[in-house]
Structures are given as C-alpha cells and as structure tokens.
Protein backbone atom coordinates (compact mmCIF):
# COMPACT_ATOMS: atom_id res chain seq x y z
CA MET A 1 20.84 -7.05 -24.35
CA PRO A 2 17.89 -5.15 -22.80
CA ILE A 3 18.59 -1.91 -21.02
CA ASP A 4 18.71 -2.21 -17.22
CA LEU A 5 15.68 0.01 -16.79
CA ARG A 6 13.32 -2.48 -18.40
CA LEU A 7 11.63 -5.43 -16.71
CA ASP A 8 9.92 -7.70 -19.22
CA ALA A 9 6.77 -9.47 -18.09
CA SER A 10 8.39 -12.75 -19.12
CA GLU A 11 11.11 -12.18 -16.50
CA ILE A 12 8.67 -12.18 -13.57
CA VAL A 13 9.14 -15.94 -13.04
CA LEU A 14 12.85 -15.29 -12.40
CA PHE A 15 12.06 -12.69 -9.77
CA THR A 16 12.52 -15.19 -6.97
CA ASP A 17 14.97 -16.27 -4.33
CA LEU A 18 17.13 -19.14 -5.56
CA TYR A 19 15.96 -21.43 -2.78
CA GLU A 20 12.39 -21.28 -4.08
CA LEU A 21 13.67 -23.02 -7.21
CA THR A 22 16.01 -25.48 -5.49
CA VAL A 23 13.33 -26.47 -2.96
CA SER A 24 10.82 -26.87 -5.77
CA ALA A 25 13.27 -29.03 -7.73
CA ALA A 26 13.76 -31.23 -4.67
CA PHE A 27 9.98 -31.47 -4.21
CA PHE A 28 9.74 -32.53 -7.86
CA ASP A 29 12.47 -35.16 -7.48
CA HIS A 30 10.79 -36.76 -4.50
CA GLY A 31 7.17 -36.58 -5.62
CA PHE A 32 5.91 -33.79 -3.36
CA ASN A 33 3.28 -31.81 -5.27
CA GLU A 34 -0.06 -32.34 -3.56
CA PRO A 35 -2.32 -29.33 -2.90
CA ALA A 36 -0.82 -26.88 -0.41
CA THR A 37 -1.96 -23.70 1.29
CA PHE A 38 0.37 -20.84 2.14
CA GLU A 39 -0.79 -17.71 3.96
CA VAL A 40 0.51 -14.15 4.08
CA ALA A 41 0.20 -12.41 7.43
CA VAL A 42 1.93 -9.73 9.51
CA ARG A 43 3.33 -10.99 12.80
CA LYS A 44 3.16 -7.57 14.44
CA LEU A 45 2.24 -4.11 13.25
CA PRO A 46 5.01 -1.54 12.67
CA PRO A 47 5.57 1.16 15.30
CA ASN A 48 2.65 3.54 15.86
CA ARG A 49 0.37 1.56 13.53
CA GLY A 50 -3.00 0.55 14.92
CA TYR A 51 -4.13 -0.87 11.60
CA MET A 52 -2.92 -1.52 8.06
CA ILE A 53 -4.43 -1.19 4.59
CA ALA A 54 -4.26 -4.14 2.17
CA ALA A 55 -2.79 -3.13 -1.19
CA GLY A 56 -0.89 -4.63 -4.12
CA LEU A 57 -3.28 -7.50 -4.82
CA GLU A 58 -4.30 -6.49 -8.34
CA ARG A 59 -0.72 -6.28 -9.59
CA LEU A 60 -0.02 -9.69 -8.06
CA LEU A 61 -3.06 -11.34 -9.64
CA GLU A 62 -2.08 -9.98 -13.04
CA ALA A 63 1.37 -11.55 -12.63
CA LEU A 64 -0.05 -14.92 -11.57
CA GLU A 65 -2.46 -15.04 -14.50
CA ASN A 66 0.49 -14.64 -16.87
CA TYR A 67 2.96 -16.78 -14.94
CA ARG A 68 4.99 -19.00 -17.29
CA PHE A 69 8.60 -19.92 -18.02
CA ASP A 70 9.44 -19.04 -21.61
CA ASP A 71 12.42 -20.37 -23.54
CA ALA A 72 14.69 -17.56 -22.35
CA ALA A 73 13.85 -18.21 -18.69
CA ILE A 74 14.44 -21.94 -19.09
CA ALA A 75 17.72 -21.29 -20.88
CA HIS A 76 18.89 -19.07 -18.03
CA LEU A 77 18.00 -21.65 -15.40
CA ASP A 78 19.77 -24.32 -17.44
CA SER A 79 22.88 -22.14 -17.56
CA LEU A 80 23.11 -22.27 -13.74
CA LYS A 81 23.94 -26.01 -14.01
CA LEU A 82 21.73 -26.77 -10.99
CA PHE A 83 18.56 -28.25 -12.40
CA LYS A 84 17.82 -31.57 -14.07
CA PRO A 85 16.23 -31.62 -17.52
CA ALA A 86 13.04 -33.23 -16.19
CA PHE A 87 12.46 -30.34 -13.77
CA LEU A 88 13.14 -27.76 -16.46
CA ASP A 89 10.66 -29.55 -18.73
CA TYR A 90 8.11 -29.37 -15.90
CA LEU A 91 8.66 -25.63 -15.58
CA ARG A 92 8.39 -25.17 -19.34
CA GLN A 93 4.88 -26.68 -19.28
CA LEU A 94 3.78 -24.97 -16.06
CA ARG A 95 0.81 -22.58 -16.11
CA TRP A 96 -0.11 -21.26 -12.69
CA SER A 97 -3.30 -23.10 -11.70
CA GLY A 98 -3.89 -22.15 -8.08
CA THR A 99 -6.57 -20.33 -6.13
CA VAL A 100 -6.02 -17.05 -4.32
CA ARG A 101 -8.28 -15.95 -1.49
CA ALA A 102 -7.46 -12.50 -0.22
CA LEU A 103 -8.67 -9.32 1.38
CA PRO A 104 -9.88 -6.99 -1.37
CA GLU A 105 -7.58 -4.03 -1.84
CA GLY A 106 -8.38 -1.24 0.57
CA THR A 107 -9.49 -3.56 3.38
CA ILE A 108 -8.28 -2.73 6.89
CA PHE A 109 -6.40 -5.56 8.58
CA PHE A 110 -4.43 -6.25 11.75
CA ALA A 111 -1.55 -8.35 13.01
CA GLY A 112 -2.04 -12.10 13.02
CA GLU A 113 -4.65 -12.12 10.25
CA PRO A 114 -4.21 -13.93 6.91
CA VAL A 115 -4.11 -11.15 4.34
CA LEU A 116 -3.87 -13.57 1.44
CA GLN A 117 -3.98 -17.34 0.91
CA VAL A 118 -2.44 -19.29 -1.96
CA HIS A 119 -3.90 -22.77 -2.51
CA ALA A 120 -2.14 -24.63 -5.32
CA PRO A 121 0.00 -27.65 -6.10
CA LEU A 122 2.92 -27.42 -3.68
CA ILE A 123 5.55 -26.49 -6.26
CA GLU A 124 3.42 -23.74 -7.80
CA ALA A 125 2.68 -22.29 -4.36
CA GLN A 126 6.36 -22.45 -3.38
CA LEU A 127 7.67 -20.80 -6.54
CA VAL A 128 5.66 -17.60 -6.07
CA GLU A 129 6.59 -16.86 -2.43
CA THR A 130 9.06 -14.08 -3.25
CA LEU A 131 6.72 -12.49 -5.78
CA VAL A 132 3.73 -12.58 -3.42
CA LEU A 133 5.55 -10.98 -0.50
CA ASN A 134 7.17 -8.37 -2.72
CA GLN A 135 3.89 -7.32 -4.32
CA ILE A 136 1.85 -7.18 -1.09
CA GLY A 137 4.26 -5.78 1.50
CA PHE A 138 5.48 -2.44 0.17
CA PRO A 139 2.15 -1.33 -1.35
CA SER A 140 0.40 -2.04 1.96
CA MET A 141 3.01 -0.03 3.87
CA VAL A 142 2.57 3.01 1.60
CA ALA A 143 -1.23 2.78 1.51
CA THR A 144 -1.22 2.73 5.32
CA LYS A 145 1.13 5.71 5.48
CA ALA A 146 -1.14 7.60 3.09
CA ALA A 147 -4.27 6.77 5.07
CA ARG A 148 -2.59 8.10 8.22
CA CYS A 149 -1.83 11.38 6.45
CA VAL A 150 -5.42 11.60 5.23
CA GLY A 151 -6.64 10.93 8.75
CA VAL A 152 -4.95 14.02 10.17
CA ALA A 153 -5.36 16.36 7.17
CA GLY A 154 -9.00 17.17 7.86
CA GLY A 155 -10.11 16.95 4.24
CA ARG A 156 -7.28 19.10 2.89
CA ARG A 157 -5.80 18.14 -0.46
CA LEU A 158 -2.85 15.71 -0.35
CA VAL A 159 -0.51 15.03 -3.27
CA ASP A 160 2.21 12.40 -3.64
CA PHE A 161 5.50 14.23 -4.23
CA GLY A 162 7.69 11.14 -3.86
CA PRO A 163 8.93 9.96 -7.30
CA ARG A 164 12.38 11.52 -7.12
CA ARG A 165 13.13 9.98 -3.71
CA SER A 166 11.56 6.57 -4.27
CA GLN A 167 13.69 3.42 -4.30
CA GLY A 168 13.49 2.97 -8.06
CA ILE A 169 10.99 3.61 -10.83
CA ASP A 170 8.66 0.71 -10.05
CA ALA A 171 8.59 1.69 -6.38
CA ALA A 172 7.58 5.24 -7.35
CA VAL A 173 4.70 3.93 -9.47
CA ILE A 174 3.58 1.60 -6.68
CA ALA A 175 3.77 4.44 -4.16
CA ALA A 176 1.64 6.70 -6.35
CA ARG A 177 -0.99 4.00 -6.82
CA SER A 178 -0.97 2.99 -3.16
CA SER A 179 -1.16 6.57 -1.88
CA TYR A 180 -4.15 7.27 -4.13
CA LEU A 181 -5.76 4.07 -2.88
CA GLY A 182 -5.08 5.29 0.66
CA GLY A 183 -6.96 8.54 0.04
CA PHE A 184 -4.51 11.00 -1.53
CA HIS A 185 -5.97 13.31 -4.16
CA GLY A 186 -3.28 12.65 -6.74
CA SER A 187 0.40 12.42 -7.57
CA ALA A 188 3.18 14.32 -9.29
CA ASN A 189 4.03 11.05 -11.10
CA VAL A 190 2.94 11.35 -14.74
CA LEU A 191 3.58 7.66 -15.49
CA ALA A 192 1.34 6.59 -12.61
CA GLY A 193 -1.30 8.99 -13.90
CA LYS A 194 -1.17 7.36 -17.31
CA ARG A 195 -1.17 3.80 -16.02
CA TYR A 196 -3.82 4.10 -13.31
CA GLY A 197 -5.84 7.20 -14.16
CA ILE A 198 -4.60 9.01 -11.06
CA PRO A 199 -5.00 12.81 -11.16
CA VAL A 200 -1.61 14.49 -11.59
CA PHE A 201 -0.56 17.74 -9.98
CA GLY A 202 2.47 19.99 -10.19
CA THR A 203 3.59 23.51 -9.41
CA MET A 204 6.88 25.00 -10.63
CA SER A 205 10.61 24.61 -9.99
CA HIS A 206 13.21 26.71 -8.25
CA SER A 207 15.27 26.49 -11.43
CA PHE A 208 12.53 28.31 -13.37
CA VAL A 209 12.73 31.20 -10.90
CA MET A 210 16.52 31.19 -10.83
CA ALA A 211 16.82 31.21 -14.63
CA HIS A 212 15.03 34.57 -14.72
CA GLU A 213 16.59 37.90 -13.80
CA THR A 214 13.78 38.60 -11.33
CA GLU A 215 11.32 36.51 -9.38
CA ARG A 216 8.41 38.64 -10.56
CA GLU A 217 9.31 37.97 -14.20
CA ALA A 218 9.45 34.25 -13.48
CA PHE A 219 6.03 34.28 -11.84
CA ALA A 220 4.53 36.29 -14.70
CA ASP A 221 6.01 34.03 -17.39
CA PHE A 222 4.83 30.84 -15.72
CA THR A 223 1.29 32.03 -15.19
CA ALA A 224 1.16 33.34 -18.77
CA THR A 225 1.92 29.81 -20.00
CA PHE A 226 -0.10 27.90 -17.38
CA PRO A 227 -2.79 30.19 -15.92
CA LYS A 228 -4.73 27.20 -14.54
CA LEU A 229 -1.62 25.73 -12.87
CA SER A 230 -0.52 28.96 -11.24
CA THR A 231 0.63 27.74 -7.83
CA LEU A 232 3.80 29.77 -7.39
CA LEU A 233 6.88 28.49 -5.55
CA VAL A 234 7.75 31.41 -3.30
CA ASP A 235 10.81 30.24 -1.32
CA THR A 236 13.64 30.41 -3.88
CA TYR A 237 14.89 33.57 -2.16
CA ASP A 238 13.21 35.31 0.79
CA THR A 239 9.85 33.59 1.26
CA VAL A 240 7.89 36.55 2.59
CA ARG A 241 9.04 38.76 -0.27
CA GLY A 242 8.18 35.92 -2.62
CA VAL A 243 4.62 35.88 -1.28
CA ARG A 244 4.38 39.62 -1.73
CA ASN A 245 5.51 39.25 -5.35
CA ALA A 246 2.93 36.51 -5.84
CA ALA A 247 0.23 38.71 -4.29
CA ALA A 248 1.12 41.60 -6.59
CA LEU A 249 0.81 39.31 -9.60
CA GLY A 250 -2.41 37.83 -8.23
CA THR A 251 -3.95 41.28 -7.98
CA ALA A 252 -3.00 42.06 -11.59
CA LEU A 253 -4.31 38.70 -12.79
CA ARG A 254 -7.61 39.24 -10.99
CA GLU A 255 -8.11 42.50 -12.81
CA ALA A 256 -7.57 40.55 -16.06
CA GLY A 257 -10.17 37.98 -14.98
CA ILE A 258 -7.60 35.28 -14.10
CA LYS A 259 -7.37 33.60 -10.69
CA LEU A 260 -4.01 32.90 -9.06
CA GLN A 261 -4.30 29.32 -7.81
CA GLY A 262 -1.93 29.33 -4.87
CA VAL A 263 1.48 29.78 -3.32
CA ARG A 264 3.73 26.91 -2.28
CA LEU A 265 5.86 26.93 0.86
CA ASP A 266 8.69 24.39 0.67
CA SER A 267 11.18 25.34 3.41
CA GLY A 268 11.66 27.22 6.63
CA ASP A 269 9.21 27.53 9.53
CA ILE A 270 6.14 26.41 7.60
CA ARG A 271 3.65 27.33 10.31
CA ASP A 272 4.97 30.90 10.72
CA LEU A 273 5.31 31.38 6.98
CA ALA A 274 1.79 30.10 6.39
CA VAL A 275 0.38 32.62 8.87
CA ARG A 276 2.33 35.49 7.32
CA SER A 277 1.45 34.37 3.79
CA ARG A 278 -2.24 34.20 4.61
CA ALA A 279 -2.13 37.71 6.02
CA ILE A 280 -0.36 39.08 2.92
CA LEU A 281 -2.78 37.39 0.54
CA ASP A 282 -5.85 38.44 2.52
CA ARG A 283 -4.73 42.08 2.67
CA ALA A 284 -4.43 41.96 -1.12
CA GLY A 285 -8.01 40.70 -1.38
CA LEU A 286 -6.77 37.24 -2.41
CA GLY A 287 -8.53 35.19 0.23
CA GLU A 288 -9.34 32.50 -2.31
CA VAL A 289 -5.66 31.85 -3.13
CA ALA A 290 -4.59 28.58 -1.52
CA ILE A 291 -1.49 27.92 0.56
CA PHE A 292 0.23 24.69 -0.42
CA ALA A 293 2.91 23.28 1.89
CA SER A 294 5.64 20.76 1.09
CA GLY A 295 9.15 19.94 2.24
CA ASN A 296 9.85 16.86 4.39
CA LEU A 297 6.28 16.51 5.57
CA ASP A 298 4.62 13.42 7.03
CA GLU A 299 1.52 12.65 9.09
CA TYR A 300 3.19 13.79 12.32
CA LYS A 301 4.24 17.18 10.94
CA ILE A 302 0.87 17.69 9.24
CA ALA A 303 -0.92 16.93 12.50
CA ASP A 304 1.32 19.32 14.42
CA LEU A 305 0.89 22.11 11.87
CA LEU A 306 -2.87 21.86 11.96
CA ALA A 307 -2.91 21.59 15.75
CA GLU A 308 -1.08 24.94 15.70
CA ARG A 309 -3.82 26.28 13.39
CA ALA A 310 -1.52 26.81 10.44
CA PRO A 311 -3.69 28.18 7.59
CA ILE A 312 -2.64 25.55 5.04
CA ASP A 313 -5.02 24.28 2.37
CA ALA A 314 -3.03 21.44 0.81
CA PHE A 315 0.08 19.34 1.37
CA GLY A 316 2.66 17.66 -0.85
CA VAL A 317 4.16 14.62 0.88
CA GLY A 318 7.31 13.23 -0.69
CA THR A 319 10.07 11.08 0.77
CA ALA A 320 8.24 10.12 3.96
CA LEU A 321 5.37 8.72 1.91
CA ALA A 322 7.30 7.13 -0.94
CA VAL A 323 9.49 5.05 1.37
CA SER A 324 7.16 4.96 4.40
CA ASP A 325 10.15 6.34 6.25
CA ASP A 326 9.22 5.60 9.86
CA ALA A 327 8.16 2.05 8.93
CA PRO A 328 9.69 1.12 5.57
CA ALA A 329 8.95 -2.59 5.88
CA GLY A 330 6.40 -4.79 7.58
CA ASP A 331 6.92 -8.19 9.18
CA PHE A 332 5.07 -10.01 6.38
CA THR A 333 5.39 -13.81 6.28
CA TYR A 334 4.41 -16.55 3.82
CA LYS A 335 3.92 -19.82 5.68
CA LEU A 336 2.71 -23.29 4.78
CA THR A 337 -0.49 -23.91 6.76
CA GLU A 338 -1.80 -27.06 5.07
CA TYR A 339 -0.38 -29.81 2.86
CA ASN A 340 -2.30 -32.65 1.23
CA GLY A 341 -5.34 -31.87 3.37
CA GLN A 342 -3.40 -31.89 6.67
CA PRO A 343 -2.67 -28.80 8.79
CA ARG A 344 0.95 -27.73 9.19
CA LEU A 345 2.51 -25.70 12.02
CA LYS A 346 5.91 -24.07 12.49
CA THR A 347 6.98 -23.86 16.15
CA SER A 348 10.16 -21.76 15.97
CA ALA A 349 10.65 -19.54 19.02
CA GLY A 350 9.04 -16.17 18.39
CA LYS A 351 7.96 -17.21 14.89
CA ILE A 352 5.20 -19.74 15.47
CA SER A 353 2.74 -20.03 12.60
CA VAL A 354 -0.99 -20.77 12.66
CA PRO A 355 -2.15 -24.00 10.97
CA GLY A 356 -5.09 -24.68 8.69
CA ARG A 357 -6.99 -22.84 5.97
CA LYS A 358 -8.74 -19.89 7.52
CA GLN A 359 -11.27 -17.09 7.25
CA ILE A 360 -11.44 -13.73 9.04
CA PHE A 361 -14.73 -12.65 10.58
CA ARG A 362 -15.35 -9.04 11.62
CA ALA A 363 -17.96 -8.09 14.19
CA LEU A 364 -20.06 -4.96 13.64
CA ASN A 365 -22.08 -3.05 16.22
CA PRO A 366 -25.58 -1.65 15.56
CA SER A 367 -24.14 1.57 14.10
CA GLY A 368 -21.95 -0.35 11.66
CA GLY A 369 -18.67 0.14 13.50
CA CYS A 370 -16.24 -2.77 13.77
CA TYR A 371 -15.01 -3.76 17.20
CA ALA A 372 -13.33 -7.19 17.00
CA ASP A 373 -12.05 -9.79 14.53
CA LEU A 374 -12.00 -13.55 14.79
CA VAL A 375 -9.60 -15.73 12.79
CA ALA A 376 -11.43 -19.01 12.23
CA LEU A 377 -11.19 -22.18 10.16
CA ILE A 378 -12.30 -22.00 6.55
CA ASP A 379 -15.39 -24.15 7.07
CA GLU A 380 -16.72 -21.97 9.89
CA THR A 381 -19.40 -19.41 9.04
CA ALA A 382 -20.56 -16.03 10.27
CA GLN A 383 -23.46 -17.77 11.98
CA THR A 384 -21.32 -20.37 13.79
CA VAL A 385 -18.76 -17.85 15.10
CA ALA A 386 -21.20 -15.07 16.05
CA ARG A 387 -21.65 -16.53 19.54
CA GLU A 388 -17.91 -16.17 20.21
CA PHE A 389 -17.99 -12.36 20.08
CA ARG A 390 -18.60 -10.28 23.18
CA PRO A 391 -20.74 -8.25 23.17
CA ALA A 392 -23.02 -9.99 20.69
CA PRO A 393 -22.61 -8.42 17.23
CA ALA A 394 -25.33 -6.80 15.17
CA ASP A 395 -23.66 -8.38 12.14
CA VAL A 396 -20.65 -10.53 11.26
CA VAL A 397 -18.91 -10.31 7.89
CA ALA A 398 -16.38 -12.66 6.29
CA LEU A 399 -13.44 -10.77 4.80
CA LEU A 400 -11.38 -13.15 2.64
CA GLU A 401 -12.74 -13.53 -0.89
CA VAL A 402 -11.82 -15.79 -3.80
CA GLN A 403 -9.87 -13.60 -6.20
CA LEU A 404 -8.35 -16.20 -8.52
CA GLU A 405 -9.53 -19.75 -9.12
CA ASP A 406 -7.73 -22.36 -11.24
CA GLY A 407 -5.34 -19.59 -12.20
CA LYS A 408 -8.08 -17.31 -13.58
CA ARG A 409 -10.14 -14.45 -12.25
CA ARG A 410 -13.68 -15.41 -11.31
CA ILE A 411 -14.95 -11.93 -10.48
CA PRO A 412 -14.73 -8.67 -12.46
CA ARG A 413 -11.53 -6.77 -11.83
CA PRO A 414 -12.30 -3.98 -9.36
CA THR A 415 -11.26 -0.43 -10.07
CA LEU A 416 -8.79 1.63 -8.09
CA ALA A 417 -11.73 3.85 -7.17
CA ASP A 418 -13.45 0.82 -5.60
CA ALA A 419 -10.42 0.16 -3.41
CA ARG A 420 -10.15 3.84 -2.49
CA GLU A 421 -13.79 3.87 -1.39
CA ARG A 422 -13.21 0.70 0.65
CA VAL A 423 -10.47 2.51 2.59
CA THR A 424 -12.75 5.46 3.31
CA SER A 425 -15.62 3.23 4.37
CA GLY A 426 -13.43 0.97 6.50
CA LEU A 427 -11.75 3.80 8.36
CA ALA A 428 -15.13 5.38 9.10
CA LYS A 429 -16.08 2.17 10.93
CA LEU A 430 -12.91 2.06 13.02
CA ASP A 431 -12.62 3.53 16.52
CA ALA A 432 -10.60 6.77 16.64
CA ARG A 433 -8.28 5.28 19.26
CA ILE A 434 -7.14 2.62 16.77
CA LYS A 435 -6.50 5.33 14.14
CA ALA A 436 -4.32 7.50 16.40
CA ILE A 437 -0.95 8.21 14.76
CA ARG A 438 0.88 8.02 18.09
CA LYS A 439 0.41 5.16 20.56
CA PRO A 440 -2.78 3.76 19.01
CA ALA A 441 -4.99 1.36 20.92
CA GLU A 442 -4.81 -2.31 19.98
CA TYR A 443 -7.68 -3.74 17.98
CA PRO A 444 -8.91 -7.10 19.36
CA VAL A 445 -8.07 -10.12 17.17
CA ARG A 446 -8.66 -13.63 18.53
CA HIS A 447 -8.72 -17.21 17.29
CA SER A 448 -11.99 -19.11 17.17
CA ALA A 449 -12.39 -22.01 19.55
CA ALA A 450 -12.05 -24.49 16.70
CA LEU A 451 -8.83 -22.89 15.46
CA GLY A 452 -7.48 -22.80 19.01
CA ALA A 453 -8.12 -26.53 19.35
CA MET A 454 -6.33 -27.19 16.04
CA ILE A 455 -3.30 -25.20 17.20
CA ILE A 456 -3.03 -27.30 20.38
CA ASP A 457 -3.39 -30.52 18.42
CA GLU A 458 -0.80 -29.50 15.83
CA LYS A 459 1.74 -28.48 18.48
CA LEU A 460 1.58 -32.06 19.71
CA HIS A 461 1.96 -33.39 16.15
CA ALA A 462 4.90 -31.07 15.53
CA GLU A 463 6.85 -32.73 18.31
CA THR A 464 6.59 -36.10 16.55
CA ARG A 465 7.82 -34.67 13.25
CA GLN A 466 11.33 -34.27 14.66
CA ASP A 467 11.60 -37.95 15.62
C-alpha cells in the first residue's frame, strides 16, 4: 500500500470525476467517438482582476503525453462493478492521441476567451476534463496574483513564502512555480527550487532566537554559520530593540569585512517599524542593509505600504499568494464546442457557451500596446479580421498555438524563463487602467462577425435538439 503522500504518475488517469468515466462508457456503448473539440475559458474574471495570466499548461501536456490506463488502474475500475469488459479493454489500449491548442504559458488573457482547446476523439476529450481544469485553473490564479504583486512592488524583490499555508504539497509546488512565472524572484520552497530551477531564499526562525539565552547571541551564531544569508529576524521580542541588536552586529561584521544582508520585519505596524529600522541602520552607517517585510502581505498591503513611502526593499508573500486568498478559484469551464465537424452550443441561462473551433486575435497599436481582442473562427486569419478592429491596428497577432498534436509535442518545450519573460512583455503592452489592483477597467473582447453569425445559427439549431 503506497503512503498517502505519494501520487504515482500511473494514477493520473484515475484523477477524474466518476461521471467522466460513466459518460465515456455510454459514448462507447452507443458508438459516439467522432472527433470533438472542447474549450477551456473563464466566464468572468474574479473580483478586482482586469486580466489573467495563463499557467499550468506544461504540467498538463506532460500528463497527456503519458496518459494510459495500466493494469492497476483497470483493476480498480473493474472493482467498481460499473463498466463492461469491452470498455475496460478499450481503456487498456488507449493512448491519448488528441491535439491541444493553447495560449503559451505567461500569456495575458481575459474573460470569454478560449485559453485552451482539446481536439480529440470524443471519449479521449471527455476523459481528461477534470485533469485539464485542475491543471489550468489554480496555476493561472496564482500566477495572476503574483503578477499583481509585482505590478505594485516597483521592482523590489518578492519571494514566495507560502509552502506552509498551501492546500497540500502539490499546491505549494504549483504556487512556487506559478509565482515565479508571474514575476517573483524566488521561493522558500526547496522542492520547487530543485524541480524547476527556481532561486530559493530564506532567513531564520523565531525558534532559533528563542533557543538562545540572548537575541544577540542568536544573531551572532546564525551569521557565523551563514554570513551570506544574514537577514536577521528582529521581531521575536521587541522589534526596535531587535533592530538595534542587528545594527550592533552589522557594525562589528563590517569591521571584519562581512556585510549584514538585512533585517526582516514580520509583525506589528510594518510601515512604522520600517521607518524606525531604516533610521537605526542608517545612523549605524549600514545604509546598504536591506529591510525585508513579511507577515500577511498581499498586493493591496504592499501597494499601501509603498504609497506611504515605507522604506522596504523586499517582500515575502505567503498565504495570500499560495491560496490566492481574495480569489481562490476562477470560473473556468470546459465545454464541447464542436462534434463530428458540427458546432455545438449550450444555452443554459447564465451559462451559455460559444460554438465552433476558434482563434483569438489581439490588436496592437503603433507603439506595440494591445487594445482589443477578437474571438474568431479557427479558419479566420489576422488579415481577414483586421478590418473589424477600431481603430485600425498596426498589427494583429493570433494567440492560440498548437502545443500537442496526435498526442505528441510538435514544438520544443519552452522554459519557465520563457514564460516569465512573456508575462513581463505582455504586461508592458497592457494599459495601466487594466492592471489596476482595485476596480480595473475592462479590456475589450468581442466576437468576430463570422462567429456572431454562427452563434445565432446555433441558437436556432439548439431549439430543435430538444424536440
């Protein structure tokens, strides 16, 4: 029996809602397995989000490339006494053969746009719904949260401090990866550092200070062991006295040719303590010693601290980042948009879907800034839709790219650094009003004329499907 902590790669196929399997079995029984297209989109953006960052794709593609039901998975499904032997034999032979078109990781997107498309035999496309939504939704939420923090930090260093408050080990690793993709400088998560090459950062613990008879002894011992990691946690007792003790040690270290790296403020009135700490350090001739702030921070608190001119050089963001606390989930959907070459439309009140296989086109102005998106049919081109933008664009770019074809990658796997650069570049092209962390402006997203006509036509067809 494996320990609970472990998730074997072979178990990924069982990470699914039961109905994905029962529906697929019914499709199999009745001969439904023609090519189908499903699309992932966000119906509406979470509160105070003017944009989102696409993340999680690379982990998903890796899972799809290795998607197969081994003997243990088949045995478990057989034990449920729900599935016929013929369907289980089909699953045993299945190797995921579909095509994935998606926004490259780090791409900015908006509500109503297809973030990812799965085109595959119907059963294959149906089986992976749970996996697709799970692997795209949370990473995109955290990457967006991180990008918002970066946007208000003014170039100051940001570190993911979230592992201990994350919703499980895998969530902590995803959060570290997604926050780095979103622009953070690194993480406290050593496993994420190993797996993804993310820089890792750490300071010291309150327990280290408390285990010593005096705070000064604790500071001296830690810096003796880790002189290059000497950011001292100064709030175990009285914070101001802690800063004075750090300054005294910093002065002694300087005389020995060693530089004290910083002091970390983790509680109390951070703005007031930062001002007082800066004054103490400067009077000691330690102007180069950084002030690092942590303790229940998020983009709103960082923005407020800097608006109040708090002299802080770096921030550790923990719980708020790791769970995207003000918006822990997005309204991501996975909807059938085409089956056997024919568009499909869902007309449920408040949950209408958009039919057809599609492409997103983004209009750029002469300075390279983006100002509007058009969701169009897959056979439309940048040239054919350019006339639908107002004002006329200097350039139009198509955003969805083939990532997986016939179940295999057709392009080199991008690096995390590539995705991180895409975030930086994309945000630079976006109007500041869209990037506001409170009450952002709405970015224009429209349907092309051809897609609009298809929607009207399919609404009429949908009425006949209930006869």
